[in-house]
PDB file of N, CA and C in Angstrom:
ATOM      1  N   MET A   1      39.111 -83.595   5.227  1.00  0.00           N
ATOM      2  CA  MET A   1      38.541 -83.910   3.939  1.00  0.00           C
ATOM      3  C   MET A   1      37.553 -82.838   3.504  1.00  0.00           C
ATOM      4  N   VAL A   2      36.814 -82.308   4.450  1.00  0.00           N
ATOM      5  CA  VAL A   2      35.840 -81.265   4.115  1.00  0.00           C
ATOM      6  C   VAL A   2      36.570 -80.037   3.595  1.00  0.00           C
ATOM      7  N   LEU A   3      37.710 -79.703   4.234  1.00  0.00           N
ATOM      8  CA  LEU A   3      38.484 -78.555   3.783  1.00  0.00           C
ATOM      9  C   LEU A   3      39.031 -78.772   2.366  1.00  0.00           C
ATOM     10  N   ASP A   4      39.223 -80.037   1.982  1.00  0.00           N
ATOM     11  CA  ASP A   4      39.718 -80.350   0.645  1.00  0.00           C
ATOM     12  C   ASP A   4      38.600 -80.443  -0.382  1.00  0.00           C
ATOM     13  N   GLY A   5      37.356 -80.191   0.042  1.00  0.00           N
ATOM     14  CA  GLY A   5      36.246 -80.157  -0.898  1.00  0.00           C
ATOM     15  C   GLY A   5      35.403 -81.407  -0.955  1.00  0.00           C
ATOM     16  N   HIS A   6      35.700 -82.400  -0.124  1.00  0.00           N
ATOM     17  CA  HIS A   6      34.885 -83.613  -0.116  1.00  0.00           C
ATOM     18  C   HIS A   6      33.570 -83.347   0.614  1.00  0.00           C
ATOM     19  N   SER A   7      32.591 -84.171   0.327  1.00  0.00           N
ATOM     20  CA  SER A   7      31.294 -83.989   0.997  1.00  0.00           C
ATOM     21  C   SER A   7      31.410 -84.374   2.459  1.00  0.00           C
ATOM     22  N   ARG A   8      30.509 -83.841   3.258  1.00  0.00           N
ATOM     23  CA  ARG A   8      30.508 -84.174   4.689  1.00  0.00           C
ATOM     24  C   ARG A   8      30.193 -85.644   4.898  1.00  0.00           C
ATOM     25  N   LEU A   9      29.325 -86.189   4.051  1.00  0.00           N
ATOM     26  CA  LEU A   9      28.980 -87.601   4.175  1.00  0.00           C
ATOM     27  C   LEU A   9      30.217 -88.471   3.956  1.00  0.00           C
ATOM     28  N   LEU A  10      30.980 -88.193   2.918  1.00  0.00           N
ATOM     29  CA  LEU A  10      32.187 -88.966   2.637  1.00  0.00           C
ATOM     30  C   LEU A  10      33.219 -88.787   3.749  1.00  0.00           C
ATOM     31  N   ALA A  11      33.386 -87.577   4.212  1.00  0.00           N
ATOM     32  CA  ALA A  11      34.334 -87.319   5.293  1.00  0.00           C
ATOM     33  C   ALA A  11      33.911 -88.030   6.578  1.00  0.00           C
ATOM     34  N   ALA A  12      32.627 -88.036   6.868  1.00  0.00           N
ATOM     35  CA  ALA A  12      32.130 -88.711   8.070  1.00  0.00           C
ATOM     36  C   ALA A  12      32.350 -90.215   7.962  1.00  0.00           C
ATOM     37  N   GLN A  13      32.055 -90.786   6.816  1.00  0.00           N
ATOM     38  CA  GLN A  13      32.257 -92.224   6.632  1.00  0.00           C
ATOM     39  C   GLN A  13      33.731 -92.588   6.752  1.00  0.00           C
ATOM     40  N   ALA A  14      34.599 -91.782   6.177  1.00  0.00           N
ATOM     41  CA  ALA A  14      36.038 -92.053   6.248  1.00  0.00           C
ATOM     42  C   ALA A  14      36.558 -91.934   7.672  1.00  0.00           C
ATOM     43  N   SER A  15      35.900 -91.119   8.500  1.00  0.00           N
ATOM     44  CA  SER A  15      36.328 -90.913   9.884  1.00  0.00           C
ATOM     45  C   SER A  15      35.571 -91.794  10.864  1.00  0.00           C
ATOM     46  N   ALA A  16      34.715 -92.675  10.340  1.00  0.00           N
ATOM     47  CA  ALA A  16      33.917 -93.597  11.164  1.00  0.00           C
ATOM     48  C   ALA A  16      33.090 -92.844  12.196  1.00  0.00           C
ATOM     49  N   MET A  17      32.420 -91.796  11.731  1.00  0.00           N
ATOM     50  CA  MET A  17      31.544 -91.042  12.626  1.00  0.00           C
ATOM     51  C   MET A  17      30.253 -90.703  11.912  1.00  0.00           C
ATOM     52  N   ASP A  18      29.308 -90.270  12.668  1.00  0.00           N
ATOM     53  CA  ASP A  18      28.015 -89.851  12.137  1.00  0.00           C
ATOM     54  C   ASP A  18      28.173 -88.510  11.426  1.00  0.00           C
ATOM     55  N   ARG A  19      27.379 -88.297  10.397  1.00  0.00           N
ATOM     56  CA  ARG A  19      27.452 -87.044   9.647  1.00  0.00           C
ATOM     57  C   ARG A  19      27.108 -85.852  10.531  1.00  0.00           C
ATOM     58  N   GLN A  20      26.186 -86.021  11.467  1.00  0.00           N
ATOM     59  CA  GLN A  20      25.802 -84.944  12.374  1.00  0.00           C
ATOM     60  C   GLN A  20      26.973 -84.541  13.265  1.00  0.00           C
ATOM     61  N   THR A  21      27.726 -85.524  13.739  1.00  0.00           N
ATOM     62  CA  THR A  21      28.897 -85.229  14.564  1.00  0.00           C
ATOM     63  C   THR A  21      29.918 -84.432  13.771  1.00  0.00           C
ATOM     64  N   LEU A  22      30.157 -84.865  12.539  1.00  0.00           N
ATOM     65  CA  LEU A  22      31.092 -84.129  11.695  1.00  0.00           C
ATOM     66  C   LEU A  22      30.594 -82.709  11.450  1.00  0.00           C
ATOM     67  N   ARG A  23      29.303 -82.562  11.228  1.00  0.00           N
ATOM     68  CA  ARG A  23      28.716 -81.230  11.016  1.00  0.00           C
ATOM     69  C   ARG A  23      28.974 -80.336  12.218  1.00  0.00           C
ATOM     70  N   ASP A  24      28.784 -80.893  13.421  1.00  0.00           N
ATOM     71  CA  ASP A  24      29.032 -80.123  14.643  1.00  0.00           C
ATOM     72  C   ASP A  24      30.498 -79.697  14.722  1.00  0.00           C
ATOM     73  N   TRP A  25      31.397 -80.613  14.365  1.00  0.00           N
ATOM     74  CA  TRP A  25      32.822 -80.293  14.393  1.00  0.00           C
ATOM     75  C   TRP A  25      33.156 -79.204  13.381  1.00  0.00           C
ATOM     76  N   VAL A  26      32.540 -79.273  12.196  1.00  0.00           N
ATOM     77  CA  VAL A  26      32.797 -78.250  11.173  1.00  0.00           C
ATOM     78  C   VAL A  26      32.360 -76.885  11.681  1.00  0.00           C
ATOM     79  N   HIS A  27      31.192 -76.827  12.313  1.00  0.00           N
ATOM     80  CA  HIS A  27      30.712 -75.549  12.856  1.00  0.00           C
ATOM     81  C   HIS A  27      31.653 -75.033  13.943  1.00  0.00           C
ATOM     82  N   ARG A  28      32.133 -75.919  14.802  1.00  0.00           N
ATOM     83  CA  ARG A  28      33.066 -75.501  15.850  1.00  0.00           C
ATOM     84  C   ARG A  28      34.372 -75.006  15.244  1.00  0.00           C
ATOM     85  N   TYR A  29      34.861 -75.697  14.212  1.00  0.00           N
ATOM     86  CA  TYR A  29      36.092 -75.278  13.543  1.00  0.00           C
ATOM     87  C   TYR A  29      35.898 -73.922  12.868  1.00  0.00           C
ATOM     88  N   ASN A  30      34.771 -73.752  12.188  1.00  0.00           N
ATOM     89  CA  ASN A  30      34.509 -72.477  11.519  1.00  0.00           C
ATOM     90  C   ASN A  30      34.416 -71.325  12.504  1.00  0.00           C
ATOM     91  N   ALA A  31      33.889 -71.585  13.676  1.00  0.00           N
ATOM     92  CA  ALA A  31      33.711 -70.529  14.676  1.00  0.00           C
ATOM     93  C   ALA A  31      35.018 -70.195  15.401  1.00  0.00           C
ATOM     94  N   ASP A  32      35.807 -71.230  15.746  1.00  0.00           N
ATOM     95  CA  ASP A  32      36.959 -71.009  16.624  1.00  0.00           C
ATOM     96  C   ASP A  32      38.278 -71.555  16.093  1.00  0.00           C
ATOM     97  N   GLY A  33      38.321 -72.059  14.885  1.00  0.00           N
ATOM     98  CA  GLY A  33      39.553 -72.640  14.351  1.00  0.00           C
ATOM     99  C   GLY A  33      39.895 -73.941  15.065  1.00  0.00           C
ATOM    100  N   LEU A  34      41.161 -74.286  15.091  1.00  0.00           N
ATOM    101  CA  LEU A  34      41.579 -75.542  15.736  1.00  0.00           C
ATOM    102  C   LEU A  34      41.242 -75.573  17.219  1.00  0.00           C
ATOM    103  N   ALA A  35      41.267 -74.419  17.871  1.00  0.00           N
ATOM    104  CA  ALA A  35      40.933 -74.372  19.301  1.00  0.00           C
ATOM    105  C   ALA A  35      39.486 -74.828  19.540  1.00  0.00           C
ATOM    106  N   GLY A  36      38.624 -74.638  18.564  1.00  0.00           N
ATOM    107  CA  GLY A  36      37.233 -75.057  18.706  1.00  0.00           C
ATOM    108  C   GLY A  36      37.053 -76.558  18.729  1.00  0.00           C
ATOM    109  N   LEU A  37      38.060 -77.304  18.283  1.00  0.00           N
ATOM    110  CA  LEU A  37      37.957 -78.762  18.257  1.00  0.00           C
ATOM    111  C   LEU A  37      38.422 -79.409  19.557  1.00  0.00           C
ATOM    112  N   ALA A  38      39.009 -78.636  20.448  1.00  0.00           N
ATOM    113  CA  ALA A  38      39.459 -79.173  21.739  1.00  0.00           C
ATOM    114  C   ALA A  38      38.251 -79.547  22.590  1.00  0.00           C
ATOM    115  N   ASP A  39      38.447 -80.511  23.454  1.00  0.00           N
ATOM    116  CA  ASP A  39      37.366 -80.911  24.364  1.00  0.00           C
ATOM    117  C   ASP A  39      36.940 -79.730  25.209  1.00  0.00           C
ATOM    118  N   ARG A  40      35.667 -79.641  25.433  1.00  0.00           N
ATOM    119  CA  ARG A  40      35.102 -78.578  26.264  1.00  0.00           C
ATOM    120  C   ARG A  40      34.596 -79.195  27.558  1.00  0.00           C
ATOM    121  N   PRO A  41      34.598 -78.423  28.620  1.00  0.00           N
ATOM    122  CA  PRO A  41      34.049 -78.966  29.871  1.00  0.00           C
ATOM    123  C   PRO A  41      32.595 -79.371  29.670  1.00  0.00           C
ATOM    124  N   ARG A  42      32.268 -80.498  30.208  1.00  0.00           N
ATOM    125  CA  ARG A  42      30.896 -80.985  30.078  1.00  0.00           C
ATOM    126  C   ARG A  42      30.139 -80.697  31.371  1.00  0.00           C
ATOM    127  N   PRO A  43      28.887 -80.350  31.228  1.00  0.00           N
ATOM    128  CA  PRO A  43      28.111 -80.160  32.452  1.00  0.00           C
ATOM    129  C   PRO A  43      27.864 -81.519  33.099  1.00  0.00           C
ATOM    130  N   GLY A  44      27.950 -81.554  34.344  1.00  0.00           N
ATOM    131  CA  GLY A  44      27.702 -82.789  35.082  1.00  0.00           C
ATOM    132  C   GLY A  44      27.032 -82.445  36.387  1.00  0.00           C
ATOM    133  N   ARG A  45      26.729 -83.465  37.120  1.00  0.00           N
ATOM    134  CA  ARG A  45      26.088 -83.179  38.403  1.00  0.00           C
ATOM    135  C   ARG A  45      27.108 -82.535  39.325  1.00  0.00           C
ATOM    136  N   GLN A  46      26.642 -81.714  40.186  1.00  0.00           N
ATOM    137  CA  GLN A  46      27.494 -81.013  41.132  1.00  0.00           C
ATOM    138  C   GLN A  46      27.996 -82.010  42.180  1.00  0.00           C
ATOM    139  N   PRO A  47      29.218 -81.829  42.675  1.00  0.00           N
ATOM    140  CA  PRO A  47      29.719 -82.725  43.714  1.00  0.00           C
ATOM    141  C   PRO A  47      28.816 -82.688  44.949  1.00  0.00           C
ATOM    142  N   ARG A  48      28.663 -83.826  45.564  1.00  0.00           N
ATOM    143  CA  ARG A  48      27.813 -83.888  46.756  1.00  0.00           C
ATOM    144  C   ARG A  48      28.513 -83.313  47.979  1.00  0.00           C
ATOM    145  N   LEU A  49      29.833 -83.339  47.960  1.00  0.00           N
ATOM    146  CA  LEU A  49      30.588 -82.820  49.094  1.00  0.00           C
ATOM    147  C   LEU A  49      31.152 -81.447  48.764  1.00  0.00           C
ATOM    148  N   ALA A  50      31.186 -80.601  49.758  1.00  0.00           N
ATOM    149  CA  ALA A  50      31.823 -79.295  49.606  1.00  0.00           C
ATOM    150  C   ALA A  50      33.342 -79.499  49.586  1.00  0.00           C
ATOM    151  N   GLU A  51      34.077 -78.487  49.181  1.00  0.00           N
ATOM    152  CA  GLU A  51      35.535 -78.589  49.079  1.00  0.00           C
ATOM    153  C   GLU A  51      36.163 -78.980  50.419  1.00  0.00           C
ATOM    154  N   ALA A  52      35.684 -78.390  51.512  1.00  0.00           N
ATOM    155  CA  ALA A  52      36.226 -78.720  52.835  1.00  0.00           C
ATOM    156  C   ALA A  52      35.974 -80.187  53.171  1.00  0.00           C
ATOM    157  N   GLN A  53      34.801 -80.699  52.808  1.00  0.00           N
ATOM    158  CA  GLN A  53      34.487 -82.098  53.072  1.00  0.00           C
ATOM    159  C   GLN A  53      35.372 -83.028  52.232  1.00  0.00           C
ATOM    160  N   ARG A  54      35.611 -82.664  50.973  1.00  0.00           N
ATOM    161  CA  ARG A  54      36.479 -83.478  50.121  1.00  0.00           C
ATOM    162  C   ARG A  54      37.900 -83.507  50.670  1.00  0.00           C
ATOM    163  N   SER A  55      38.368 -82.380  51.177  1.00  0.00           N
ATOM    164  CA  SER A  55      39.704 -82.331  51.773  1.00  0.00           C
ATOM    165  C   SER A  55      39.780 -83.236  53.002  1.00  0.00           C
ATOM    166  N   GLU A  56      38.725 -83.246  53.787  1.00  0.00           N
ATOM    167  CA  GLU A  56      38.703 -84.086  54.983  1.00  0.00           C
ATOM    168  C   GLU A  56      38.728 -85.570  54.604  1.00  0.00           C
ATOM    169  N   VAL A  57      37.972 -85.952  53.603  1.00  0.00           N
ATOM    170  CA  VAL A  57      37.969 -87.344  53.154  1.00  0.00           C
ATOM    171  C   VAL A  57      39.349 -87.721  52.617  1.00  0.00           C
ATOM    172  N   ALA A  58      39.972 -86.824  51.852  1.00  0.00           N
ATOM    173  CA  ALA A  58      41.312 -87.089  51.335  1.00  0.00           C
ATOM    174  C   ALA A  58      42.298 -87.309  52.484  1.00  0.00           C
ATOM    175  N   LYS A  59      42.156 -86.534  53.558  1.00  0.00           N
ATOM    176  CA  LYS A  59      43.025 -86.699  54.722  1.00  0.00           C
ATOM    177  C   LYS A  59      42.785 -88.049  55.378  1.00  0.00           C
ATOM    178  N   TRP A  60      41.525 -88.474  55.484  1.00  0.00           N
ATOM    179  CA  TRP A  60      41.217 -89.785  56.059  1.00  0.00           C
ATOM    180  C   TRP A  60      41.900 -90.891  55.249  1.00  0.00           C
ATOM    181  N   VAL A  61      41.802 -90.786  53.944  1.00  0.00           N
ATOM    182  CA  VAL A  61      42.403 -91.811  53.083  1.00  0.00           C
ATOM    183  C   VAL A  61      43.915 -91.827  53.264  1.00  0.00           C
ATOM    184  N   GLU A  62      44.532 -90.660  53.254  1.00  0.00           N
ATOM    185  CA  GLU A  62      45.982 -90.580  53.432  1.00  0.00           C
ATOM    186  C   GLU A  62      46.400 -91.138  54.789  1.00  0.00           C
ATOM    187  N   ASP A  63      45.647 -90.809  55.852  1.00  0.00           N
ATOM    188  CA  ASP A  63      45.960 -91.331  57.187  1.00  0.00           C
ATOM    189  C   ASP A  63      45.840 -92.851  57.215  1.00  0.00           C
ATOM    190  N   ALA A  64      44.814 -93.395  56.564  1.00  0.00           N
ATOM    191  CA  ALA A  64      44.625 -94.845  56.532  1.00  0.00           C
ATOM    192  C   ALA A  64      45.766 -95.510  55.777  1.00  0.00           C
ATOM    193  N   LEU A  65      46.194 -94.921  54.679  1.00  0.00           N
ATOM    194  CA  LEU A  65      47.315 -95.488  53.927  1.00  0.00           C
ATOM    195  C   LEU A  65      48.598 -95.442  54.741  1.00  0.00           C
ATOM    196  N   THR A  66      48.821 -94.370  55.458  1.00  0.00           N
ATOM    197  CA  THR A  66      50.006 -94.240  56.292  1.00  0.00           C
ATOM    198  C   THR A  66      50.008 -95.301  57.386  1.00  0.00           C
ATOM    199  N   GLN A  67      48.856 -95.519  58.031  1.00  0.00           N
ATOM    200  CA  GLN A  67      48.761 -96.534  59.079  1.00  0.00           C
ATOM    201  C   GLN A  67      49.028 -97.922  58.508  1.00  0.00           C
ATOM    202  N   ASP A  68      48.509 -98.206  57.309  1.00  0.00           N
ATOM    203  CA  ASP A  68      48.747 -99.507  56.687  1.00  0.00           C
ATOM    204  C   ASP A  68      50.220 -99.702  56.363  1.00  0.00           C
ATOM    205  N   ARG A  69      50.901 -98.650  55.947  1.00  0.00           N
ATOM    206  CA  ARG A  69      52.334 -98.762  55.657  1.00  0.00           C
ATOM    207  C   ARG A  69      53.104 -99.081  56.924  1.00  0.00           C
ATOM    208  N   TRP A  70      52.737 -98.427  58.024  1.00  0.00           N
ATOM    209  CA  TRP A  70      53.423 -98.688  59.294  1.00  0.00           C
ATOM    210  C   TRP A  70      53.146-100.122  59.747  1.00  0.00           C
ATOM    211  N   ARG A  71      51.908-100.578  59.603  1.00  0.00           N
ATOM    212  CA  ARG A  71      51.588-101.953  59.994  1.00  0.00           C
ATOM    213  C   ARG A  71      52.436-102.939  59.199  1.00  0.00           C
ATOM    214  N   GLY A  72      52.559-102.704  57.895  1.00  0.00           N
ATOM    215  CA  GLY A  72      53.347-103.580  57.059  1.00  0.00           C
ATOM    216  C   GLY A  72      54.806-103.560  57.449  1.00  0.00           C
ATOM    217  N   ALA A  73      55.321-102.373  57.766  1.00  0.00           N
ATOM    218  CA  ALA A  73      56.726-102.256  58.161  1.00  0.00           C
ATOM    219  C   ALA A  73      56.973-102.946  59.490  1.00  0.00           C
ATOM    220  N   LEU A  74      56.031-102.800  60.435  1.00  0.00           N
ATOM    221  CA  LEU A  74      56.197-103.456  61.741  1.00  0.00           C
ATOM    222  C   LEU A  74      56.093-104.961  61.645  1.00  0.00           C
ATOM    223  N   ALA A  75      55.292-105.449  60.717  1.00  0.00           N
ATOM    224  CA  ALA A  75      55.144-106.883  60.543  1.00  0.00           C
ATOM    225  C   ALA A  75      56.445-107.520  60.035  1.00  0.00           C
ATOM    226  N   LEU A  76      57.257-106.732  59.344  1.00  0.00           N
ATOM    227  CA  LEU A  76      58.524-107.250  58.835  1.00  0.00           C
ATOM    228  C   LEU A  76      59.594-107.336  59.915  1.00  0.00           C
ATOM    229  N   CYS A  77      59.374-106.642  61.033  1.00  0.00           N
ATOM    230  CA  CYS A  77      60.388-106.616  62.099  1.00  0.00           C
ATOM    231  C   CYS A  77      60.369-107.887  62.912  1.00  0.00           C
TER     232      CYS A  77
END
């Protein structure tokens, strides 16, 4: 709507968003085109586990699931 000449307020209301949010989107579009409207990585807290530790936990989970599958299969025998 903004590209068609409507006010930002009207465009924001029609899109059920705050005018400030629409303003931010317009600036991103003006700077980077459609690619600027794509989600960007958000900063978050750093993982508590290192990559090696996460791999080890994933292995524990997989091993536990495998054992449960075998238990279920043996129970059917």
